[in-house]
Every structure is written in structure tokens, then in C-alpha cells.
Amino acid sequence: MRWRCRRGMKELDLLLIGWLERRFEAASDAQRGEFEALLELPDPQLAGYLLRREPPERAPVAALVASILAEGCIMSSKRGGGNLR
């Protein structure tokens, strides 16, 4: 699954791999399923969600995207850099 998180855009790679490594194991079965479905989206749509260009229409996807973005901000602040927003 880690390989599927690599999208060729550093911002997406960091967000997706970060969430996979830190949250996937503790996630509910529903969240895991949503994450796997999220990885099936085309890159432009996924980038739209994760780079806040367009909000996801479905509430479960929106919640997962918010969790991924929150993890990215935590990861970024731990490194001492700017956040990914």
C-alpha cells in the first residue's frame, strides 16, 4: 500500500505516506476502506482534495481528508518546517 501512496507529487506523497505510517493501523475498517478508495482516485482529483482546491462531496471522504491533512500538519510542525496548508 505504501507504493500506492507514491503519487509523484511530493506534497501528496508526504501526506499519504504520513497517514499510512501513523494512523492506518489504528484506523477503523471503514477508514481503511475509505483510504484504499482514496488511493484509487485520479491524481488531479486527489490533489484537489489534499491541497484544498476542492472539498470532497461525501462526508466519510471529507473526514478522512481532514485526518490526513491534520496528520500532515502535525508531521510538519514536528520537523520545524511550515505546514502543508
PDB file of N, CA and C in Angstrom:
ATOM      1  N   MET A   1       0.811  -1.177   0.000  1.00  0.00           N
ATOM      2  CA  MET A   1       0.000   0.000   0.000  1.00  0.00           C
ATOM      3  C   MET A   1       0.872   1.265   0.000  1.00  0.00           C
ATOM      4  N   ARG A   2       2.019   1.161   0.599  1.00  0.00           N
ATOM      5  CA  ARG A   2       2.930   2.311   0.609  1.00  0.00           C
ATOM      6  C   ARG A   2       3.255   2.744  -0.822  1.00  0.00           C
ATOM      7  N   TRP A   3       3.439   1.788  -1.694  1.00  0.00           N
ATOM      8  CA  TRP A   3       3.751   2.113  -3.087  1.00  0.00           C
ATOM      9  C   TRP A   3       2.598   2.878  -3.731  1.00  0.00           C
ATOM     10  N   ARG A   4       1.375   2.513  -3.405  1.00  0.00           N
ATOM     11  CA  ARG A   4       0.204   3.193  -3.962  1.00  0.00           C
ATOM     12  C   ARG A   4       0.078   4.623  -3.448  1.00  0.00           C
ATOM     13  N   CYS A   5       0.708   4.926  -2.309  1.00  0.00           N
ATOM     14  CA  CYS A   5       0.694   6.290  -1.758  1.00  0.00           C
ATOM     15  C   CYS A   5       1.643   7.218  -2.500  1.00  0.00           C
ATOM     16  N   ARG A   6       2.561   6.654  -3.253  1.00  0.00           N
ATOM     17  CA  ARG A   6       3.508   7.481  -4.004  1.00  0.00           C
ATOM     18  C   ARG A   6       2.832   7.973  -5.267  1.00  0.00           C
ATOM     19  N   ARG A   7       2.665   9.269  -5.367  1.00  0.00           N
ATOM     20  CA  ARG A   7       1.924   9.832  -6.483  1.00  0.00           C
ATOM     21  C   ARG A   7       2.787  10.676  -7.407  1.00  0.00           C
ATOM     22  N   GLY A   8       4.030  10.898  -7.065  1.00  0.00           N
ATOM     23  CA  GLY A   8       4.888  11.706  -7.914  1.00  0.00           C
ATOM     24  C   GLY A   8       4.805  13.190  -7.625  1.00  0.00           C
ATOM     25  N   MET A   9       4.014  13.552  -6.641  1.00  0.00           N
ATOM     26  CA  MET A   9       3.936  14.938  -6.191  1.00  0.00           C
ATOM     27  C   MET A   9       4.312  14.910  -4.707  1.00  0.00           C
ATOM     28  N   LYS A  10       5.396  15.559  -4.358  1.00  0.00           N
ATOM     29  CA  LYS A  10       5.947  15.449  -3.015  1.00  0.00           C
ATOM     30  C   LYS A  10       4.917  15.721  -1.926  1.00  0.00           C
ATOM     31  N   GLU A  11       4.092  16.736  -2.117  1.00  0.00           N
ATOM     32  CA  GLU A  11       3.094  17.081  -1.109  1.00  0.00           C
ATOM     33  C   GLU A  11       2.131  15.916  -0.871  1.00  0.00           C
ATOM     34  N   LEU A  12       1.671  15.313  -1.946  1.00  0.00           N
ATOM     35  CA  LEU A  12       0.761  14.176  -1.804  1.00  0.00           C
ATOM     36  C   LEU A  12       1.464  12.986  -1.182  1.00  0.00           C
ATOM     37  N   ASP A  13       2.674  12.712  -1.634  1.00  0.00           N
ATOM     38  CA  ASP A  13       3.441  11.594  -1.081  1.00  0.00           C
ATOM     39  C   ASP A  13       3.598  11.739   0.428  1.00  0.00           C
ATOM     40  N   LEU A  14       3.989  12.924   0.878  1.00  0.00           N
ATOM     41  CA  LEU A  14       4.201  13.149   2.309  1.00  0.00           C
ATOM     42  C   LEU A  14       2.918  12.976   3.105  1.00  0.00           C
ATOM     43  N   LEU A  15       1.829  13.532   2.602  1.00  0.00           N
ATOM     44  CA  LEU A  15       0.555  13.424   3.311  1.00  0.00           C
ATOM     45  C   LEU A  15       0.066  11.984   3.379  1.00  0.00           C
ATOM     46  N   LEU A  16       0.057  11.306   2.242  1.00  0.00           N
ATOM     47  CA  LEU A  16      -0.480   9.941   2.197  1.00  0.00           C
ATOM     48  C   LEU A  16       0.390   8.948   2.962  1.00  0.00           C
ATOM     49  N   ILE A  17       1.682   9.001   2.752  1.00  0.00           N
ATOM     50  CA  ILE A  17       2.581   8.075   3.445  1.00  0.00           C
ATOM     51  C   ILE A  17       2.590   8.372   4.943  1.00  0.00           C
ATOM     52  N   GLY A  18       2.540   9.647   5.301  1.00  0.00           N
ATOM     53  CA  GLY A  18       2.487  10.012   6.719  1.00  0.00           C
ATOM     54  C   GLY A  18       1.279   9.419   7.409  1.00  0.00           C
ATOM     55  N   TRP A  19       0.109   9.541   6.779  1.00  0.00           N
ATOM     56  CA  TRP A  19      -1.104   8.991   7.382  1.00  0.00           C
ATOM     57  C   TRP A  19      -1.038   7.462   7.420  1.00  0.00           C
ATOM     58  N   LEU A  20      -0.548   6.866   6.361  1.00  0.00           N
ATOM     59  CA  LEU A  20      -0.415   5.411   6.321  1.00  0.00           C
ATOM     60  C   LEU A  20       0.462   4.914   7.464  1.00  0.00           C
ATOM     61  N   GLU A  21       1.593   5.546   7.659  1.00  0.00           N
ATOM     62  CA  GLU A  21       2.540   5.095   8.683  1.00  0.00           C
ATOM     63  C   GLU A  21       2.068   5.372  10.105  1.00  0.00           C
ATOM     64  N   ARG A  22       1.327   6.448  10.311  1.00  0.00           N
ATOM     65  CA  ARG A  22       0.985   6.848  11.673  1.00  0.00           C
ATOM     66  C   ARG A  22      -0.442   6.525  12.088  1.00  0.00           C
ATOM     67  N   ARG A  23      -1.352   6.390  11.146  1.00  0.00           N
ATOM     68  CA  ARG A  23      -2.766   6.248  11.503  1.00  0.00           C
ATOM     69  C   ARG A  23      -3.450   4.999  10.966  1.00  0.00           C
ATOM     70  N   PHE A  24      -2.923   4.410   9.921  1.00  0.00           N
ATOM     71  CA  PHE A  24      -3.638   3.308   9.263  1.00  0.00           C
ATOM     72  C   PHE A  24      -3.905   2.136  10.203  1.00  0.00           C
ATOM     73  N   GLU A  25      -2.923   1.719  10.955  1.00  0.00           N
ATOM     74  CA  GLU A  25      -3.092   0.551  11.832  1.00  0.00           C
ATOM     75  C   GLU A  25      -4.192   0.758  12.870  1.00  0.00           C
ATOM     76  N   ALA A  26      -4.330   1.978  13.385  1.00  0.00           N
ATOM     77  CA  ALA A  26      -5.333   2.272  14.415  1.00  0.00           C
ATOM     78  C   ALA A  26      -6.681   2.679  13.815  1.00  0.00           C
ATOM     79  N   ALA A  27      -6.740   2.839  12.509  1.00  0.00           N
ATOM     80  CA  ALA A  27      -7.965   3.288  11.854  1.00  0.00           C
ATOM     81  C   ALA A  27      -9.032   2.193  11.896  1.00  0.00           C
ATOM     82  N   SER A  28     -10.273   2.631  11.836  1.00  0.00           N
ATOM     83  CA  SER A  28     -11.382   1.679  11.759  1.00  0.00           C
ATOM     84  C   SER A  28     -11.372   1.002  10.387  1.00  0.00           C
ATOM     85  N   ASP A  29     -12.106  -0.086  10.285  1.00  0.00           N
ATOM     86  CA  ASP A  29     -12.216  -0.766   8.988  1.00  0.00           C
ATOM     87  C   ASP A  29     -12.804   0.170   7.934  1.00  0.00           C
ATOM     88  N   ALA A  30     -13.768   0.996   8.349  1.00  0.00           N
ATOM     89  CA  ALA A  30     -14.378   1.941   7.406  1.00  0.00           C
ATOM     90  C   ALA A  30     -13.345   2.962   6.926  1.00  0.00           C
ATOM     91  N   GLN A  31     -12.530   3.490   7.842  1.00  0.00           N
ATOM     92  CA  GLN A  31     -11.496   4.452   7.452  1.00  0.00           C
ATOM     93  C   GLN A  31     -10.466   3.806   6.540  1.00  0.00           C
ATOM     94  N   ARG A  32     -10.092   2.590   6.847  1.00  0.00           N
ATOM     95  CA  ARG A  32      -9.140   1.888   5.983  1.00  0.00           C
ATOM     96  C   ARG A  32      -9.699   1.714   4.577  1.00  0.00           C
ATOM     97  N   GLY A  33     -10.958   1.346   4.506  1.00  0.00           N
ATOM     98  CA  GLY A  33     -11.607   1.190   3.200  1.00  0.00           C
ATOM     99  C   GLY A  33     -11.665   2.506   2.441  1.00  0.00           C
ATOM    100  N   GLU A  34     -11.984   3.585   3.145  1.00  0.00           N
ATOM    101  CA  GLU A  34     -12.022   4.904   2.508  1.00  0.00           C
ATOM    102  C   GLU A  34     -10.629   5.314   2.023  1.00  0.00           C
ATOM    103  N   PHE A  35      -9.602   4.992   2.813  1.00  0.00           N
ATOM    104  CA  PHE A  35      -8.237   5.325   2.419  1.00  0.00           C
ATOM    105  C   PHE A  35      -7.851   4.575   1.152  1.00  0.00           C
ATOM    106  N   GLU A  36      -8.175   3.286   1.110  1.00  0.00           N
ATOM    107  CA  GLU A  36      -7.870   2.496  -0.089  1.00  0.00           C
ATOM    108  C   GLU A  36      -8.631   3.025  -1.298  1.00  0.00           C
ATOM    109  N   ALA A  37      -9.882   3.428  -1.095  1.00  0.00           N
ATOM    110  CA  ALA A  37     -10.669   4.008  -2.193  1.00  0.00           C
ATOM    111  C   ALA A  37     -10.087   5.353  -2.624  1.00  0.00           C
ATOM    112  N   LEU A  38      -9.599   6.131  -1.666  1.00  0.00           N
ATOM    113  CA  LEU A  38      -8.985   7.417  -1.970  1.00  0.00           C
ATOM    114  C   LEU A  38      -7.771   7.230  -2.880  1.00  0.00           C
ATOM    115  N   LEU A  39      -7.020   6.160  -2.645  1.00  0.00           N
ATOM    116  CA  LEU A  39      -5.832   5.889  -3.455  1.00  0.00           C
ATOM    117  C   LEU A  39      -6.181   5.493  -4.889  1.00  0.00           C
ATOM    118  N   GLU A  40      -7.427   5.136  -5.123  1.00  0.00           N
ATOM    119  CA  GLU A  40      -7.874   4.777  -6.475  1.00  0.00           C
ATOM    120  C   GLU A  40      -8.261   6.002  -7.304  1.00  0.00           C
ATOM    121  N   LEU A  41      -8.388   7.152  -6.654  1.00  0.00           N
ATOM    122  CA  LEU A  41      -8.789   8.362  -7.377  1.00  0.00           C
ATOM    123  C   LEU A  41      -7.686   8.821  -8.323  1.00  0.00           C
ATOM    124  N   PRO A  42      -8.069   9.476  -9.402  1.00  0.00           N
ATOM    125  CA  PRO A  42      -7.058  10.051 -10.299  1.00  0.00           C
ATOM    126  C   PRO A  42      -6.281  11.152  -9.570  1.00  0.00           C
ATOM    127  N   ASP A  43      -5.032  11.312  -9.940  1.00  0.00           N
ATOM    128  CA  ASP A  43      -4.169  12.290  -9.270  1.00  0.00           C
ATOM    129  C   ASP A  43      -4.756  13.694  -9.209  1.00  0.00           C
ATOM    130  N   PRO A  44      -5.346  14.227 -10.282  1.00  0.00           N
ATOM    131  CA  PRO A  44      -5.887  15.588 -10.190  1.00  0.00           C
ATOM    132  C   PRO A  44      -6.991  15.736  -9.131  1.00  0.00           C
ATOM    133  N   GLN A  45      -7.845  14.728  -9.037  1.00  0.00           N
ATOM    134  CA  GLN A  45      -8.912  14.776  -8.038  1.00  0.00           C
ATOM    135  C   GLN A  45      -8.340  14.654  -6.628  1.00  0.00           C
ATOM    136  N   LEU A  46      -7.405  13.730  -6.434  1.00  0.00           N
ATOM    137  CA  LEU A  46      -6.763  13.547  -5.133  1.00  0.00           C
ATOM    138  C   LEU A  46      -6.024  14.823  -4.720  1.00  0.00           C
ATOM    139  N   ALA A  47      -5.306  15.423  -5.637  1.00  0.00           N
ATOM    140  CA  ALA A  47      -4.600  16.673  -5.347  1.00  0.00           C
ATOM    141  C   ALA A  47      -5.595  17.776  -4.998  1.00  0.00           C
ATOM    142  N   GLY A  48      -6.709  17.817  -5.678  1.00  0.00           N
ATOM    143  CA  GLY A  48      -7.733  18.802  -5.372  1.00  0.00           C
ATOM    144  C   GLY A  48      -8.204  18.705  -3.932  1.00  0.00           C
ATOM    145  N   TYR A  49      -8.406  17.485  -3.467  1.00  0.00           N
ATOM    146  CA  TYR A  49      -8.843  17.270  -2.086  1.00  0.00           C
ATOM    147  C   TYR A  49      -7.740  17.617  -1.092  1.00  0.00           C
ATOM    148  N   LEU A  50      -6.553  17.065  -1.309  1.00  0.00           N
ATOM    149  CA  LEU A  50      -5.488  17.191  -0.314  1.00  0.00           C
ATOM    150  C   LEU A  50      -4.772  18.540  -0.348  1.00  0.00           C
ATOM    151  N   LEU A  51      -4.900  19.259  -1.434  1.00  0.00           N
ATOM    152  CA  LEU A  51      -4.308  20.594  -1.495  1.00  0.00           C
ATOM    153  C   LEU A  51      -5.377  21.670  -1.337  1.00  0.00           C
ATOM    154  N   ARG A  52      -6.548  21.247  -0.896  1.00  0.00           N
ATOM    155  CA  ARG A  52      -7.681  22.128  -0.551  1.00  0.00           C
ATOM    156  C   ARG A  52      -8.174  22.970  -1.711  1.00  0.00           C
ATOM    157  N   ARG A  53      -8.133  22.407  -2.886  1.00  0.00           N
ATOM    158  CA  ARG A  53      -8.674  23.116  -4.052  1.00  0.00           C
ATOM    159  C   ARG A  53     -10.162  22.839  -4.221  1.00  0.00           C
ATOM    160  N   GLU A  54     -10.583  21.654  -3.763  1.00  0.00           N
ATOM    161  CA  GLU A  54     -11.995  21.288  -3.852  1.00  0.00           C
ATOM    162  C   GLU A  54     -12.333  20.357  -2.686  1.00  0.00           C
ATOM    163  N   PRO A  55     -13.483  20.554  -2.064  1.00  0.00           N
ATOM    164  CA  PRO A  55     -13.860  19.691  -0.947  1.00  0.00           C
ATOM    165  C   PRO A  55     -14.482  18.384  -1.455  1.00  0.00           C
ATOM    166  N   PRO A  56     -14.217  17.299  -0.772  1.00  0.00           N
ATOM    167  CA  PRO A  56     -14.880  16.043  -1.137  1.00  0.00           C
ATOM    168  C   PRO A  56     -16.384  16.163  -0.889  1.00  0.00           C
ATOM    169  N   GLU A  57     -17.171  15.543  -1.728  1.00  0.00           N
ATOM    170  CA  GLU A  57     -18.631  15.613  -1.584  1.00  0.00           C
ATOM    171  C   GLU A  57     -19.143  14.675  -0.497  1.00  0.00           C
ATOM    172  N   ARG A  58     -18.539  13.509  -0.368  1.00  0.00           N
ATOM    173  CA  ARG A  58     -19.011  12.522   0.608  1.00  0.00           C
ATOM    174  C   ARG A  58     -18.398  12.796   1.976  1.00  0.00           C
ATOM    175  N   ALA A  59     -19.235  12.770   3.007  1.00  0.00           N
ATOM    176  CA  ALA A  59     -18.795  13.067   4.373  1.00  0.00           C
ATOM    177  C   ALA A  59     -17.667  12.144   4.853  1.00  0.00           C
ATOM    178  N   PRO A  60     -17.730  10.822   4.597  1.00  0.00           N
ATOM    179  CA  PRO A  60     -16.626   9.965   5.060  1.00  0.00           C
ATOM    180  C   PRO A  60     -15.283  10.318   4.405  1.00  0.00           C
ATOM    181  N   VAL A  61     -15.326  10.691   3.144  1.00  0.00           N
ATOM    182  CA  VAL A  61     -14.099  11.089   2.443  1.00  0.00           C
ATOM    183  C   VAL A  61     -13.602  12.415   3.001  1.00  0.00           C
ATOM    184  N   ALA A  62     -14.514  13.343   3.251  1.00  0.00           N
ATOM    185  CA  ALA A  62     -14.135  14.633   3.827  1.00  0.00           C
ATOM    186  C   ALA A  62     -13.485  14.448   5.194  1.00  0.00           C
ATOM    187  N   ALA A  63     -14.028  13.537   6.010  1.00  0.00           N
ATOM    188  CA  ALA A  63     -13.450  13.270   7.334  1.00  0.00           C
ATOM    189  C   ALA A  63     -12.057  12.668   7.203  1.00  0.00           C
ATOM    190  N   LEU A  64     -11.891  11.752   6.277  1.00  0.00           N
ATOM    191  CA  LEU A  64     -10.575  11.143   6.071  1.00  0.00           C
ATOM    192  C   LEU A  64      -9.571  12.180   5.570  1.00  0.00           C
ATOM    193  N   VAL A  65      -9.973  13.009   4.625  1.00  0.00           N
ATOM    194  CA  VAL A  65      -9.088  14.056   4.110  1.00  0.00           C
ATOM    195  C   VAL A  65      -8.681  14.989   5.247  1.00  0.00           C
ATOM    196  N   ALA A  66      -9.627  15.356   6.116  1.00  0.00           N
ATOM    197  CA  ALA A  66      -9.307  16.213   7.261  1.00  0.00           C
ATOM    198  C   ALA A  66      -8.290  15.532   8.171  1.00  0.00           C
ATOM    199  N   SER A  67      -8.431  14.226   8.374  1.00  0.00           N
ATOM    200  CA  SER A  67      -7.486  13.472   9.199  1.00  0.00           C
ATOM    201  C   SER A  67      -6.102  13.437   8.558  1.00  0.00           C
ATOM    202  N   ILE A  68      -6.056  13.233   7.255  1.00  0.00           N
ATOM    203  CA  ILE A  68      -4.774  13.208   6.539  1.00  0.00           C
ATOM    204  C   ILE A  68      -4.102  14.575   6.617  1.00  0.00           C
ATOM    205  N   LEU A  69      -4.879  15.631   6.421  1.00  0.00           N
ATOM    206  CA  LEU A  69      -4.322  16.977   6.484  1.00  0.00           C
ATOM    207  C   LEU A  69      -3.851  17.317   7.895  1.00  0.00           C
ATOM    208  N   ALA A  70      -4.592  16.898   8.900  1.00  0.00           N
ATOM    209  CA  ALA A  70      -4.183  17.142  10.289  1.00  0.00           C
ATOM    210  C   ALA A  70      -2.882  16.415  10.587  1.00  0.00           C
ATOM    211  N   GLU A  71      -2.750  15.193  10.104  1.00  0.00           N
ATOM    212  CA  GLU A  71      -1.509  14.431  10.304  1.00  0.00           C
ATOM    213  C   GLU A  71      -0.357  15.130   9.615  1.00  0.00           C
ATOM    214  N   GLY A  72      -0.593  15.674   8.430  1.00  0.00           N
ATOM    215  CA  GLY A  72       0.443  16.395   7.712  1.00  0.00           C
ATOM    216  C   GLY A  72       0.910  17.623   8.463  1.00  0.00           C
ATOM    217  N   CYS A  73      -0.020  18.309   9.094  1.00  0.00           N
ATOM    218  CA  CYS A  73       0.342  19.499   9.878  1.00  0.00           C
ATOM    219  C   CYS A  73       1.141  19.105  11.106  1.00  0.00           C
ATOM    220  N   ILE A  74       0.751  18.020  11.758  1.00  0.00           N
ATOM    221  CA  ILE A  74       1.488  17.539  12.929  1.00  0.00           C
ATOM    222  C   ILE A  74       2.890  17.140  12.511  1.00  0.00           C
ATOM    223  N   MET A  75       3.003  16.376  11.423  1.00  0.00           N
ATOM    224  CA  MET A  75       4.292  15.919  10.934  1.00  0.00           C
ATOM    225  C   MET A  75       5.172  17.114  10.584  1.00  0.00           C
ATOM    226  N   SER A  76       4.599  18.108   9.922  1.00  0.00           N
ATOM    227  CA  SER A  76       5.357  19.278   9.515  1.00  0.00           C
ATOM    228  C   SER A  76       5.838  20.082  10.718  1.00  0.00           C
ATOM    229  N   SER A  77       4.985  20.238  11.720  1.00  0.00           N
ATOM    230  CA  SER A  77       5.384  21.020  12.884  1.00  0.00           C
ATOM    231  C   SER A  77       6.447  20.302  13.700  1.00  0.00           C
ATOM    232  N   LYS A  78       6.457  18.985  13.692  1.00  0.00           N
ATOM    233  CA  LYS A  78       7.488  18.225  14.392  1.00  0.00           C
ATOM    234  C   LYS A  78       8.848  18.394  13.728  1.00  0.00           C
ATOM    235  N   ARG A  79       8.843  18.624  12.434  1.00  0.00           N
ATOM    236  CA  ARG A  79      10.090  18.823  11.693  1.00  0.00           C
ATOM    237  C   ARG A  79      10.581  20.253  11.783  1.00  0.00           C
ATOM    238  N   GLY A  80       9.725  21.135  12.300  1.00  0.00           N
ATOM    239  CA  GLY A  80      10.124  22.532  12.427  1.00  0.00           C
ATOM    240  C   GLY A  80       9.922  23.340  11.168  1.00  0.00           C
ATOM    241  N   GLY A  81       9.282  22.754  10.163  1.00  0.00           N
ATOM    242  CA  GLY A  81       9.039  23.477   8.921  1.00  0.00           C
ATOM    243  C   GLY A  81       7.648  24.053   8.899  1.00  0.00           C
ATOM    244  N   GLY A  82       7.304  24.679   7.810  1.00  0.00           N
ATOM    245  CA  GLY A  82       5.962  25.211   7.651  1.00  0.00           C
ATOM    246  C   GLY A  82       4.975  24.077   7.442  1.00  0.00           C
ATOM    247  N   ASN A  83       3.700  24.344   7.692  1.00  0.00           N
ATOM    248  CA  ASN A  83       2.747  23.269   7.487  1.00  0.00           C
ATOM    249  C   ASN A  83       2.369  23.167   6.020  1.00  0.00           C
ATOM    250  N   LEU A  84       1.638  22.136   5.696  1.00  0.00           N
ATOM    251  CA  LEU A  84       1.333  21.837   4.298  1.00  0.00           C
ATOM    252  C   LEU A  84       0.047  22.502   3.832  1.00  0.00           C
ATOM    253  N   ARG A  85      -0.504  23.393   4.609  1.00  0.00           N
ATOM    254  CA  ARG A  85      -1.726  24.070   4.195  1.00  0.00           C
ATOM    255  C   ARG A  85      -1.443  25.150   3.214  1.00  0.00           C
TER     256      ARG A  85
END
